[in-house]
N, C-alpha and C. Protein backbone atom coordinates (compact mmCIF):
# COMPACT_ATOMS: atom_id res chain seq x y z
N MET A 1 -193.77 -159.31 3.85
CA MET A 1 -194.76 -158.25 3.95
C MET A 1 -196.15 -158.64 3.35
N VAL A 2 -196.10 -159.42 2.24
CA VAL A 2 -197.40 -159.75 1.68
C VAL A 2 -198.14 -160.72 2.66
N SER A 3 -197.35 -161.57 3.25
CA SER A 3 -198.00 -162.60 4.19
C SER A 3 -198.60 -161.86 5.46
N PHE A 4 -197.94 -160.82 5.83
CA PHE A 4 -198.41 -159.98 7.04
C PHE A 4 -199.76 -159.34 6.53
N ILE A 5 -199.78 -158.69 5.37
CA ILE A 5 -201.05 -158.11 4.90
C ILE A 5 -202.14 -159.17 4.79
N ARG A 6 -201.83 -160.31 4.19
CA ARG A 6 -202.89 -161.30 4.04
C ARG A 6 -203.37 -161.81 5.32
N THR A 7 -202.49 -161.91 6.34
CA THR A 7 -202.85 -162.37 7.69
C THR A 7 -203.91 -161.35 8.30
N ILE A 8 -203.45 -160.09 8.19
CA ILE A 8 -204.34 -158.99 8.74
C ILE A 8 -205.75 -158.97 8.14
N ILE A 9 -205.75 -159.15 6.77
CA ILE A 9 -207.13 -159.21 6.02
C ILE A 9 -207.97 -160.34 6.50
N MET A 10 -207.35 -161.58 6.56
CA MET A 10 -208.14 -162.78 6.98
C MET A 10 -208.63 -162.60 8.43
N TYR A 11 -207.79 -162.03 9.22
CA TYR A 11 -208.04 -161.90 10.69
C TYR A 11 -209.29 -160.89 10.82
N LEU A 12 -209.28 -159.75 10.09
CA LEU A 12 -210.40 -158.87 10.12
C LEU A 12 -211.68 -159.45 9.52
N LEU A 13 -211.48 -160.28 8.50
CA LEU A 13 -212.68 -160.94 7.90
C LEU A 13 -213.27 -161.92 8.84
N VAL A 14 -212.45 -162.66 9.52
CA VAL A 14 -212.94 -163.71 10.49
C VAL A 14 -213.66 -163.01 11.70
N VAL A 15 -213.06 -161.95 12.22
CA VAL A 15 -213.73 -161.09 13.25
C VAL A 15 -215.10 -160.76 12.86
N LEU A 16 -215.11 -160.06 11.59
CA LEU A 16 -216.40 -159.64 11.14
C LEU A 16 -217.37 -160.73 10.99
N VAL A 17 -217.03 -161.79 10.47
CA VAL A 17 -217.94 -162.92 10.23
C VAL A 17 -218.52 -163.39 11.66
N MET A 18 -217.58 -163.55 12.63
CA MET A 18 -217.97 -164.00 13.95
C MET A 18 -218.87 -163.07 14.57
N ARG A 19 -218.70 -161.80 14.38
CA ARG A 19 -219.60 -160.70 14.81
C ARG A 19 -220.95 -160.93 14.24
N LEU A 20 -220.99 -161.09 12.95
CA LEU A 20 -222.32 -161.18 12.33
C LEU A 20 -223.01 -162.44 12.70
N MET A 21 -222.34 -163.38 13.10
CA MET A 21 -222.95 -164.69 13.53
C MET A 21 -223.65 -164.53 14.82
N GLY A 22 -223.31 -163.47 15.66
CA GLY A 22 -224.11 -163.21 16.82
C GLY A 22 -223.17 -163.35 18.07
N LYS A 23 -223.60 -162.78 19.11
CA LYS A 23 -222.85 -162.61 20.35
C LYS A 23 -223.11 -163.89 21.26
N ARG A 24 -222.28 -164.89 20.99
CA ARG A 24 -222.38 -166.09 21.83
C ARG A 24 -220.92 -166.60 22.29
N GLN A 25 -220.88 -167.04 23.48
CA GLN A 25 -219.57 -167.59 23.80
C GLN A 25 -219.47 -168.96 23.13
N ILE A 26 -218.18 -169.54 23.10
CA ILE A 26 -217.96 -170.84 22.40
C ILE A 26 -218.84 -171.92 22.98
N GLY A 27 -218.95 -171.93 24.40
CA GLY A 27 -219.76 -172.98 25.08
C GLY A 27 -221.23 -172.84 24.82
N GLN A 28 -221.66 -171.77 24.27
CA GLN A 28 -223.09 -171.54 23.98
C GLN A 28 -223.55 -171.74 22.63
N LEU A 29 -222.56 -172.09 21.72
CA LEU A 29 -222.79 -172.30 20.39
C LEU A 29 -223.73 -173.70 20.15
N GLN A 30 -224.66 -173.57 19.23
CA GLN A 30 -225.42 -174.65 18.80
C GLN A 30 -224.49 -175.55 17.98
N PRO A 31 -224.77 -176.84 17.82
CA PRO A 31 -223.93 -177.71 17.01
C PRO A 31 -223.60 -177.30 15.60
N TYR A 32 -224.56 -176.71 14.86
CA TYR A 32 -224.37 -176.22 13.49
C TYR A 32 -223.42 -174.94 13.57
N GLU A 33 -223.57 -174.10 14.56
CA GLU A 33 -222.78 -172.95 14.68
C GLU A 33 -221.28 -173.25 14.99
N PHE A 34 -221.14 -174.31 15.82
CA PHE A 34 -219.78 -174.74 16.20
C PHE A 34 -218.99 -175.29 14.99
N VAL A 35 -219.78 -176.13 14.15
CA VAL A 35 -219.16 -176.77 12.96
C VAL A 35 -218.76 -175.62 12.03
N ILE A 36 -219.52 -174.66 11.79
CA ILE A 36 -219.28 -173.48 10.90
C ILE A 36 -218.10 -172.67 11.43
N ALA A 37 -217.95 -172.56 12.69
CA ALA A 37 -216.90 -171.76 13.29
C ALA A 37 -215.53 -172.51 13.07
N LEU A 38 -215.59 -173.91 13.20
CA LEU A 38 -214.42 -174.64 12.97
C LEU A 38 -213.95 -174.55 11.49
N MET A 39 -215.04 -174.68 10.62
CA MET A 39 -214.66 -174.65 9.12
C MET A 39 -214.14 -173.21 8.76
N ILE A 40 -214.65 -172.20 9.38
CA ILE A 40 -214.17 -170.89 9.00
C ILE A 40 -212.73 -170.74 9.53
N SER A 41 -212.38 -171.25 10.68
CA SER A 41 -210.96 -171.17 11.14
C SER A 41 -209.97 -171.93 10.18
N ASP A 42 -210.49 -173.09 9.74
CA ASP A 42 -209.59 -173.84 8.77
C ASP A 42 -209.38 -173.10 7.55
N LEU A 43 -210.55 -172.57 6.93
CA LEU A 43 -210.43 -171.83 5.69
C LEU A 43 -209.63 -170.65 5.74
N ALA A 44 -209.63 -169.92 6.90
CA ALA A 44 -208.82 -168.69 7.07
C ALA A 44 -207.40 -169.01 7.21
N ALA A 45 -207.06 -170.21 7.74
CA ALA A 45 -205.59 -170.53 8.03
C ALA A 45 -204.86 -170.89 6.68
N LEU A 46 -205.53 -171.43 5.74
CA LEU A 46 -204.93 -171.86 4.42
C LEU A 46 -204.16 -170.72 3.74
N PRO A 47 -204.91 -169.59 3.45
CA PRO A 47 -204.24 -168.49 2.68
C PRO A 47 -203.23 -167.80 3.53
N MET A 48 -203.34 -167.87 4.91
CA MET A 48 -202.33 -167.33 5.72
C MET A 48 -200.93 -168.11 5.66
N GLN A 49 -201.16 -169.41 5.70
CA GLN A 49 -200.02 -170.28 5.65
C GLN A 49 -199.25 -170.47 4.37
N ASP A 50 -200.06 -170.38 3.32
CA ASP A 50 -199.46 -170.52 1.95
C ASP A 50 -199.76 -169.32 1.10
N SER A 51 -198.71 -168.57 0.81
CA SER A 51 -198.98 -167.35 0.02
C SER A 51 -199.33 -167.58 -1.45
N SER A 52 -199.04 -168.96 -1.92
CA SER A 52 -199.41 -169.23 -3.38
C SER A 52 -200.90 -169.49 -3.52
N ILE A 53 -201.64 -169.68 -2.37
CA ILE A 53 -203.16 -169.81 -2.49
C ILE A 53 -203.79 -168.49 -2.68
N PRO A 54 -204.56 -168.17 -3.65
CA PRO A 54 -205.20 -166.87 -3.81
C PRO A 54 -206.04 -166.59 -2.51
N LEU A 55 -206.06 -165.32 -2.29
CA LEU A 55 -206.77 -164.84 -1.03
C LEU A 55 -208.21 -165.18 -1.15
N TRP A 56 -208.70 -164.99 -2.40
CA TRP A 56 -210.22 -165.24 -2.76
C TRP A 56 -210.61 -166.66 -2.42
N SER A 57 -209.69 -167.66 -2.41
CA SER A 57 -210.02 -169.03 -2.24
C SER A 57 -210.25 -169.35 -0.73
N GLY A 58 -209.97 -168.36 0.08
CA GLY A 58 -210.47 -168.45 1.44
C GLY A 58 -211.59 -167.43 1.77
N VAL A 59 -211.57 -166.28 1.13
CA VAL A 59 -212.66 -165.32 1.34
C VAL A 59 -214.00 -165.84 0.94
N VAL A 60 -214.05 -166.38 -0.26
CA VAL A 60 -215.38 -166.78 -0.84
C VAL A 60 -215.99 -167.87 0.02
N PRO A 61 -215.25 -168.98 0.24
CA PRO A 61 -215.91 -170.01 1.10
C PRO A 61 -216.32 -169.56 2.44
N ILE A 62 -215.55 -168.59 3.05
CA ILE A 62 -216.00 -168.07 4.33
C ILE A 62 -217.29 -167.22 4.31
N LEU A 63 -217.36 -166.40 3.24
CA LEU A 63 -218.63 -165.61 3.13
C LEU A 63 -219.89 -166.61 2.77
N SER A 64 -219.48 -167.68 2.08
CA SER A 64 -220.53 -168.59 1.77
C SER A 64 -221.07 -169.31 3.04
N LEU A 65 -220.05 -169.68 3.92
CA LEU A 65 -220.58 -170.20 5.28
C LEU A 65 -221.33 -169.22 6.03
N LEU A 66 -220.81 -167.97 6.07
CA LEU A 66 -221.65 -166.94 6.81
C LEU A 66 -223.12 -166.82 6.26
N LEU A 67 -223.17 -166.84 4.97
CA LEU A 67 -224.53 -166.76 4.29
C LEU A 67 -225.36 -167.95 4.78
N MET A 68 -224.75 -169.18 4.72
CA MET A 68 -225.49 -170.40 5.14
C MET A 68 -225.93 -170.30 6.63
N GLN A 69 -224.98 -169.83 7.46
CA GLN A 69 -225.29 -169.68 8.87
C GLN A 69 -226.54 -168.70 9.08
N LEU A 70 -226.41 -167.65 8.35
CA LEU A 70 -227.47 -166.66 8.64
C LEU A 70 -228.82 -167.23 8.15
N LEU A 71 -228.81 -167.99 7.02
CA LEU A 71 -230.10 -168.57 6.43
C LEU A 71 -230.53 -169.59 7.45
N ILE A 72 -229.65 -170.51 8.01
CA ILE A 72 -230.03 -171.51 8.96
C ILE A 72 -230.61 -170.79 10.25
N SER A 73 -230.00 -169.75 10.75
CA SER A 73 -230.36 -169.05 11.96
C SER A 73 -231.84 -168.40 11.73
N PHE A 74 -232.06 -167.96 10.58
CA PHE A 74 -233.40 -167.40 10.30
C PHE A 74 -234.40 -168.52 10.35
N GLY A 75 -234.05 -169.66 9.68
CA GLY A 75 -234.97 -170.84 9.80
C GLY A 75 -235.19 -171.36 11.13
N VAL A 76 -234.22 -171.34 11.93
CA VAL A 76 -234.27 -171.82 13.28
C VAL A 76 -235.24 -170.89 14.08
N LEU A 77 -235.10 -169.61 13.77
CA LEU A 77 -235.94 -168.68 14.51
C LEU A 77 -237.39 -168.74 14.19
N LYS A 78 -237.66 -168.97 12.90
CA LYS A 78 -239.10 -169.05 12.49
C LYS A 78 -239.79 -170.39 12.42
N SER A 79 -239.01 -171.42 12.48
CA SER A 79 -239.67 -172.73 12.30
C SER A 79 -239.21 -173.69 13.50
N ASN A 80 -240.23 -174.29 14.13
CA ASN A 80 -239.95 -175.21 15.13
C ASN A 80 -239.32 -176.50 14.62
N ARG A 81 -239.79 -176.91 13.44
CA ARG A 81 -239.23 -178.05 12.80
C ARG A 81 -237.78 -177.98 12.49
N ILE A 82 -237.45 -176.90 11.93
CA ILE A 82 -236.00 -176.60 11.56
C ILE A 82 -235.10 -176.52 12.75
N ARG A 83 -235.75 -175.89 13.86
CA ARG A 83 -234.95 -175.78 15.13
C ARG A 83 -234.75 -177.11 15.76
N ARG A 84 -235.65 -177.88 15.77
CA ARG A 84 -235.60 -179.30 16.32
C ARG A 84 -234.58 -180.17 15.46
N PHE A 85 -234.59 -180.02 14.17
CA PHE A 85 -233.56 -180.77 13.36
C PHE A 85 -232.20 -180.30 13.50
N MET A 86 -231.99 -178.91 13.48
CA MET A 86 -230.67 -178.41 13.52
C MET A 86 -230.06 -178.36 14.96
N CYS A 87 -230.77 -178.08 15.93
CA CYS A 87 -230.38 -177.93 17.26
C CYS A 87 -230.65 -179.14 18.21
N GLY A 88 -231.65 -179.99 17.81
CA GLY A 88 -232.06 -181.10 18.75
C GLY A 88 -232.99 -180.67 19.73
N ARG A 89 -233.15 -181.37 20.76
CA ARG A 89 -234.10 -181.07 21.90
C ARG A 89 -233.35 -181.21 23.24
N PRO A 90 -233.54 -180.39 24.15
CA PRO A 90 -233.02 -180.54 25.53
C PRO A 90 -233.45 -181.87 26.10
N CYS A 91 -232.58 -182.38 26.90
CA CYS A 91 -232.90 -183.78 27.51
C CYS A 91 -233.00 -183.67 29.02
N VAL A 92 -234.07 -184.21 29.66
CA VAL A 92 -234.23 -184.08 31.07
C VAL A 92 -233.42 -185.28 31.74
N MET A 93 -232.56 -184.79 32.61
CA MET A 93 -231.66 -185.80 33.29
C MET A 93 -232.16 -186.10 34.74
N VAL A 94 -232.81 -185.16 35.36
CA VAL A 94 -233.37 -185.31 36.69
C VAL A 94 -234.69 -184.62 36.76
N ARG A 95 -235.66 -185.33 37.28
CA ARG A 95 -237.05 -184.79 37.46
C ARG A 95 -237.53 -185.19 38.84
N ASP A 96 -237.96 -184.14 39.55
CA ASP A 96 -238.46 -184.31 40.90
C ASP A 96 -237.61 -185.14 41.74
N GLY A 97 -236.18 -184.92 41.72
CA GLY A 97 -235.27 -185.66 42.56
C GLY A 97 -234.87 -186.98 42.17
N VAL A 98 -235.32 -187.42 40.96
CA VAL A 98 -235.05 -188.77 40.44
C VAL A 98 -234.26 -188.70 39.20
N ILE A 99 -233.07 -189.41 39.22
CA ILE A 99 -232.28 -189.41 38.06
C ILE A 99 -232.89 -190.35 37.00
N ILE A 100 -232.84 -189.93 35.70
CA ILE A 100 -233.36 -190.63 34.57
C ILE A 100 -232.27 -191.40 34.00
N GLU A 101 -231.98 -192.65 34.24
CA GLU A 101 -230.90 -193.43 33.82
C GLU A 101 -230.91 -193.46 32.34
N LYS A 102 -232.09 -193.74 31.74
CA LYS A 102 -232.12 -194.00 30.30
C LYS A 102 -231.58 -192.84 29.48
N ASN A 103 -231.97 -191.54 29.97
CA ASN A 103 -231.54 -190.30 29.18
C ASN A 103 -230.08 -190.09 29.46
N LEU A 104 -229.48 -190.52 30.60
CA LEU A 104 -228.06 -190.44 30.78
C LEU A 104 -227.35 -191.37 29.68
N SER A 105 -227.87 -192.52 29.61
CA SER A 105 -227.20 -193.44 28.63
C SER A 105 -227.31 -192.98 27.19
N ASP A 106 -228.60 -192.42 26.88
CA ASP A 106 -228.84 -191.92 25.48
C ASP A 106 -227.83 -190.77 25.11
N GLN A 107 -227.59 -189.92 26.04
CA GLN A 107 -226.76 -188.79 25.93
C GLN A 107 -225.30 -189.04 26.10
N MET A 108 -224.92 -190.34 26.44
CA MET A 108 -223.57 -190.72 26.81
C MET A 108 -223.00 -189.77 27.97
N TYR A 109 -223.83 -189.59 28.93
CA TYR A 109 -223.52 -188.67 29.98
C TYR A 109 -223.40 -189.61 31.28
N THR A 110 -222.24 -189.72 31.87
CA THR A 110 -222.08 -190.54 33.01
C THR A 110 -222.69 -189.95 34.24
N LEU A 111 -222.84 -190.79 35.33
CA LEU A 111 -223.26 -190.37 36.54
C LEU A 111 -222.36 -189.35 37.19
N ASP A 112 -221.05 -189.58 37.13
CA ASP A 112 -220.08 -188.74 37.62
C ASP A 112 -220.30 -187.37 36.99
N ASP A 113 -220.39 -187.40 35.62
CA ASP A 113 -220.64 -186.07 34.97
C ASP A 113 -221.83 -185.29 35.51
N LEU A 114 -222.87 -186.01 35.76
CA LEU A 114 -224.07 -185.33 36.19
C LEU A 114 -223.95 -184.83 37.60
N LEU A 115 -223.32 -185.64 38.55
CA LEU A 115 -223.12 -185.22 39.96
C LEU A 115 -222.16 -184.03 40.07
N GLU A 116 -221.12 -184.01 39.04
CA GLU A 116 -220.23 -182.92 39.10
C GLU A 116 -220.82 -181.65 38.69
N ALA A 117 -221.66 -181.81 37.58
CA ALA A 117 -222.47 -180.56 37.08
C ALA A 117 -223.47 -180.04 38.15
N LEU A 118 -224.07 -180.93 38.83
CA LEU A 118 -225.07 -180.49 39.92
C LEU A 118 -224.26 -179.75 41.04
N ARG A 119 -223.13 -180.24 41.35
CA ARG A 119 -222.29 -179.69 42.42
C ARG A 119 -221.93 -178.32 41.97
N MET A 120 -221.49 -178.17 40.69
CA MET A 120 -221.09 -176.89 40.28
C MET A 120 -222.22 -175.88 40.14
N LYS A 121 -223.41 -176.39 40.08
CA LYS A 121 -224.64 -175.51 40.11
C LYS A 121 -225.25 -175.33 41.54
N GLY A 122 -224.46 -175.80 42.55
CA GLY A 122 -224.92 -175.53 43.96
C GLY A 122 -226.01 -176.48 44.35
N CYS A 123 -226.13 -177.64 43.64
CA CYS A 123 -227.20 -178.58 44.06
C CYS A 123 -226.59 -179.91 44.28
N PRO A 124 -225.93 -180.13 45.43
CA PRO A 124 -225.21 -181.39 45.58
C PRO A 124 -226.19 -182.62 45.94
N ASP A 125 -227.35 -182.20 46.55
CA ASP A 125 -228.41 -183.14 46.90
C ASP A 125 -229.36 -183.26 45.78
N VAL A 126 -229.39 -184.42 45.12
CA VAL A 126 -230.32 -184.65 44.05
C VAL A 126 -231.78 -184.54 44.35
N ARG A 127 -232.14 -184.81 45.69
CA ARG A 127 -233.54 -184.74 45.97
C ARG A 127 -233.98 -183.29 46.11
N ASN A 128 -233.16 -182.29 46.04
CA ASN A 128 -233.58 -180.90 46.02
C ASN A 128 -233.79 -180.39 44.60
N VAL A 129 -233.52 -181.29 43.56
CA VAL A 129 -233.54 -180.80 42.23
C VAL A 129 -234.91 -181.07 41.60
N LYS A 130 -235.52 -180.08 41.22
CA LYS A 130 -237.03 -180.33 40.64
C LYS A 130 -236.78 -180.77 39.18
N LEU A 131 -235.77 -180.09 38.44
CA LEU A 131 -235.53 -180.46 36.98
C LEU A 131 -234.17 -180.14 36.72
N ALA A 132 -233.46 -181.11 36.10
CA ALA A 132 -232.08 -180.84 35.49
C ALA A 132 -232.13 -181.25 34.09
N VAL A 133 -231.86 -180.29 33.21
CA VAL A 133 -231.93 -180.51 31.71
C VAL A 133 -230.66 -180.32 31.03
N LEU A 134 -230.25 -181.29 30.17
CA LEU A 134 -229.06 -181.14 29.42
C LEU A 134 -229.43 -180.35 28.08
N GLU A 135 -228.98 -179.06 28.05
CA GLU A 135 -229.29 -178.23 26.96
C GLU A 135 -228.56 -178.55 25.66
N ASN A 136 -229.16 -178.03 24.57
CA ASN A 136 -228.58 -178.35 23.26
C ASN A 136 -226.91 -178.02 23.14
N ASN A 137 -226.56 -177.03 23.95
CA ASN A 137 -225.10 -176.61 23.86
C ASN A 137 -224.29 -177.39 24.87
N GLY A 138 -224.90 -178.30 25.49
CA GLY A 138 -224.08 -179.24 26.39
C GLY A 138 -224.04 -178.83 27.81
N GLU A 139 -224.62 -177.61 28.12
CA GLU A 139 -224.81 -177.06 29.60
C GLU A 139 -225.95 -177.83 30.19
N LEU A 140 -225.74 -177.91 31.56
CA LEU A 140 -226.76 -178.54 32.34
C LEU A 140 -227.51 -177.34 33.11
N SER A 141 -228.79 -177.30 32.84
CA SER A 141 -229.62 -176.30 33.51
C SER A 141 -230.33 -176.93 34.75
N VAL A 142 -230.24 -176.31 35.83
CA VAL A 142 -230.79 -176.95 37.08
C VAL A 142 -231.84 -176.03 37.57
N LEU A 143 -233.09 -176.61 37.89
CA LEU A 143 -234.03 -175.86 38.47
C LEU A 143 -234.38 -176.43 39.87
N PRO A 144 -234.08 -175.74 40.98
CA PRO A 144 -234.33 -176.30 42.30
C PRO A 144 -235.77 -176.32 42.55
N GLU A 145 -236.25 -176.85 43.63
CA GLU A 145 -237.58 -176.82 44.05
C GLU A 145 -238.11 -175.34 44.05
N GLY A 146 -239.24 -175.02 43.57
CA GLY A 146 -239.74 -173.75 43.52
C GLY A 146 -239.38 -172.97 42.20
N GLY A 147 -238.77 -173.65 41.35
CA GLY A 147 -238.30 -173.05 40.14
C GLY A 147 -239.52 -172.79 39.04
N VAL A 148 -239.18 -172.27 37.90
CA VAL A 148 -240.25 -172.16 36.85
C VAL A 148 -240.27 -173.33 35.88
N THR A 149 -241.42 -173.39 35.28
CA THR A 149 -241.68 -174.49 34.24
C THR A 149 -242.08 -173.80 33.00
N ASP A 150 -241.43 -173.97 31.88
CA ASP A 150 -241.82 -173.41 30.63
C ASP A 150 -243.03 -174.14 30.09
N ILE A 151 -244.00 -173.44 29.64
CA ILE A 151 -245.33 -173.92 29.14
C ILE A 151 -245.35 -173.71 27.63
N VAL A 152 -245.13 -172.52 27.11
CA VAL A 152 -245.04 -172.21 25.67
C VAL A 152 -243.73 -171.43 25.33
N ILE A 153 -243.10 -171.94 24.22
CA ILE A 153 -241.98 -171.22 23.75
C ILE A 153 -242.07 -170.99 22.27
N GLY A 154 -242.05 -169.72 21.90
CA GLY A 154 -242.23 -169.48 20.48
C GLY A 154 -243.46 -169.89 19.88
N GLY A 155 -244.62 -169.86 20.57
CA GLY A 155 -245.87 -170.45 20.08
C GLY A 155 -246.08 -171.91 20.04
N CYS A 156 -245.14 -172.59 20.67
CA CYS A 156 -245.22 -174.08 20.71
C CYS A 156 -245.52 -174.56 22.14
N VAL A 157 -246.53 -175.25 22.40
CA VAL A 157 -246.95 -175.70 23.65
C VAL A 157 -246.08 -176.95 23.96
N ILE A 158 -245.57 -176.96 25.21
CA ILE A 158 -244.82 -178.02 25.68
C ILE A 158 -245.78 -178.93 26.68
N ARG A 159 -246.40 -179.83 25.97
CA ARG A 159 -247.54 -180.61 26.71
C ARG A 159 -246.97 -181.42 27.87
N GLU A 160 -245.77 -181.86 27.67
CA GLU A 160 -245.18 -182.55 28.87
C GLU A 160 -245.14 -181.70 30.18
N ASN A 161 -244.67 -180.50 29.94
CA ASN A 161 -244.58 -179.64 31.00
C ASN A 161 -245.90 -179.15 31.62
N MET A 162 -246.87 -179.11 30.67
CA MET A 162 -248.27 -178.77 31.12
C MET A 162 -248.75 -179.86 32.09
N LYS A 163 -248.54 -181.04 31.72
CA LYS A 163 -249.00 -182.13 32.43
C LYS A 163 -248.29 -182.24 33.68
N ARG A 164 -247.01 -182.09 33.82
CA ARG A 164 -246.28 -182.10 34.99
C ARG A 164 -246.58 -181.05 35.98
N ALA A 165 -246.82 -179.83 35.44
CA ALA A 165 -247.21 -178.71 36.35
C ALA A 165 -248.65 -178.67 36.73
N GLY A 166 -249.46 -179.55 36.18
CA GLY A 166 -250.90 -179.64 36.43
C GLY A 166 -251.75 -178.42 35.73
N ILE A 167 -251.22 -177.93 34.53
CA ILE A 167 -251.86 -176.74 33.95
C ILE A 167 -252.94 -177.34 32.91
N THR A 168 -254.09 -176.91 33.08
CA THR A 168 -255.14 -177.35 32.20
C THR A 168 -255.25 -176.41 30.87
N ARG A 169 -255.86 -176.90 29.87
CA ARG A 169 -255.97 -176.09 28.56
C ARG A 169 -256.71 -174.89 28.95
N GLU A 170 -257.73 -174.92 29.79
CA GLU A 170 -258.51 -173.73 30.09
C GLU A 170 -257.62 -172.68 30.79
N ALA A 171 -256.79 -173.11 31.70
CA ALA A 171 -255.96 -172.23 32.37
C ALA A 171 -254.93 -171.50 31.38
N LEU A 172 -254.46 -172.35 30.47
CA LEU A 172 -253.54 -171.79 29.41
C LEU A 172 -254.18 -170.84 28.57
N ASP A 173 -255.37 -171.11 28.19
CA ASP A 173 -256.14 -170.19 27.24
C ASP A 173 -256.44 -168.89 28.05
N GLU A 174 -256.68 -168.95 29.41
CA GLU A 174 -256.92 -167.71 30.02
C GLU A 174 -255.64 -166.86 30.06
N ALA A 175 -254.53 -167.51 30.27
CA ALA A 175 -253.22 -166.83 30.27
C ALA A 175 -253.03 -166.11 28.99
N VAL A 176 -253.38 -166.85 27.80
CA VAL A 176 -253.20 -166.34 26.51
C VAL A 176 -253.97 -165.09 26.35
N ARG A 177 -255.20 -165.18 26.83
CA ARG A 177 -256.07 -164.00 26.61
C ARG A 177 -255.65 -162.82 27.47
N SER A 178 -255.08 -163.13 28.65
CA SER A 178 -254.66 -162.08 29.56
C SER A 178 -253.48 -161.35 28.95
N CYS A 179 -252.65 -161.88 28.12
CA CYS A 179 -251.58 -161.12 27.61
C CYS A 179 -251.94 -160.41 26.34
N GLY A 180 -253.12 -160.57 25.90
CA GLY A 180 -253.54 -159.92 24.65
C GLY A 180 -253.50 -160.70 23.34
N ALA A 181 -253.10 -161.85 23.49
CA ALA A 181 -252.89 -162.81 22.27
C ALA A 181 -254.17 -163.48 21.98
N SER A 182 -254.42 -163.73 20.61
CA SER A 182 -255.73 -164.35 20.24
C SER A 182 -255.58 -165.84 20.24
N SER A 183 -254.34 -166.43 20.18
CA SER A 183 -254.17 -167.83 20.33
C SER A 183 -252.78 -168.24 20.85
N VAL A 184 -252.56 -169.45 21.05
CA VAL A 184 -251.23 -169.92 21.59
C VAL A 184 -250.13 -169.62 20.59
N LYS A 185 -250.34 -169.61 19.32
CA LYS A 185 -249.32 -169.25 18.38
C LYS A 185 -248.86 -167.88 18.43
N ASP A 186 -249.69 -167.03 19.04
CA ASP A 186 -249.30 -165.54 19.16
C ASP A 186 -248.43 -165.35 20.54
N VAL A 187 -248.17 -166.42 21.34
CA VAL A 187 -247.63 -166.31 22.53
C VAL A 187 -246.12 -166.55 22.32
N PHE A 188 -245.18 -165.50 22.76
CA PHE A 188 -243.85 -165.71 22.62
C PHE A 188 -243.25 -166.66 23.66
N TYR A 189 -243.71 -166.37 24.89
CA TYR A 189 -243.18 -167.14 26.04
C TYR A 189 -244.26 -167.17 27.23
N CYS A 190 -244.36 -168.40 27.76
CA CYS A 190 -245.34 -168.56 28.89
C CYS A 190 -244.76 -169.58 29.79
N TYR A 191 -244.83 -169.24 31.14
CA TYR A 191 -244.22 -170.19 32.08
C TYR A 191 -245.11 -170.10 33.39
N VAL A 192 -244.90 -171.05 34.24
CA VAL A 192 -245.47 -171.13 35.57
C VAL A 192 -244.54 -171.33 36.61
N ASN A 193 -244.66 -170.40 37.62
CA ASN A 193 -243.57 -170.50 38.77
C ASN A 193 -243.94 -171.50 39.83
N GLY A 194 -243.03 -171.40 40.82
CA GLY A 194 -243.32 -172.58 41.94
C GLY A 194 -244.55 -172.37 42.61
N SER A 195 -245.12 -171.22 42.60
CA SER A 195 -246.44 -170.94 43.40
C SER A 195 -247.63 -171.16 42.43
N GLY A 196 -247.45 -171.71 41.26
CA GLY A 196 -248.56 -172.08 40.34
C GLY A 196 -249.02 -170.81 39.53
N GLU A 197 -248.37 -169.71 39.56
CA GLU A 197 -248.78 -168.53 38.87
C GLU A 197 -248.22 -168.59 37.45
N MET A 198 -249.13 -168.28 36.54
CA MET A 198 -248.68 -168.50 35.16
C MET A 198 -248.45 -167.01 34.49
N THR A 199 -247.52 -166.80 33.79
CA THR A 199 -247.28 -165.54 33.05
C THR A 199 -246.97 -165.81 31.62
N ALA A 200 -247.63 -165.04 30.80
CA ALA A 200 -247.50 -165.11 29.36
C ALA A 200 -247.14 -163.81 28.67
N GLN A 201 -246.29 -163.86 27.66
CA GLN A 201 -245.88 -162.71 26.91
C GLN A 201 -246.18 -162.87 25.54
N LYS A 202 -246.92 -161.81 24.87
CA LYS A 202 -247.36 -161.84 23.53
C LYS A 202 -246.27 -161.73 22.64
N ARG A 203 -246.35 -162.45 21.52
CA ARG A 203 -245.24 -162.34 20.49
C ARG A 203 -245.26 -160.94 19.83
N SER A 204 -244.12 -160.38 19.66
CA SER A 204 -244.00 -159.06 19.00
C SER A 204 -244.34 -159.16 17.52
N ALA A 205 -244.90 -158.19 17.00
CA ALA A 205 -245.20 -158.11 15.59
C ALA A 205 -244.08 -158.34 14.68
N CYS A 206 -242.93 -157.94 15.16
CA CYS A 206 -241.70 -158.02 14.22
C CYS A 206 -241.00 -159.34 14.27
N LEU A 207 -241.58 -160.35 15.06
CA LEU A 207 -240.95 -161.69 15.03
C LEU A 207 -241.71 -162.63 14.13
């Protein structure tokens, strides 16, 4: 009976912690989130398997991991440097119909893996792919011809995308002003579509 109650308590605790960590599917977890999820599962299993282990020996570390995850998530949200360190950067695998072999090698991603992912995205012909990006969570994002190109994310200008899309600084500044922002740092998101039209959204005051 004691083991049953301990199991129910740990189960409810883990469910609560995972809810507080945010609504993500397992495949969408960032590396640091995935590691914390694994550690939580191990810590929860110990008190359930061995009734001689005090319940608090599992509860306290789990709550500590939750606190650490929330602090890291806050830092990732507020700081580009922390976000790059903890999450890494997306890697371009295909650009303008050309596979970038070096990036495949750097990410230990085989050509078969890439072609399979492209087929699953409905883009079997590499020539029709404007941009294919391996995201931080391991998913491959595919933009066909006529897709959109990110220019500003969270106040950070992606200069490589600006150059590829042919966007001048003057055009970007005009988009910044048009959304009511005083500078690029005040822009939450800005992108250009396949027709060359640029759209910018001002950062909310609460962010």
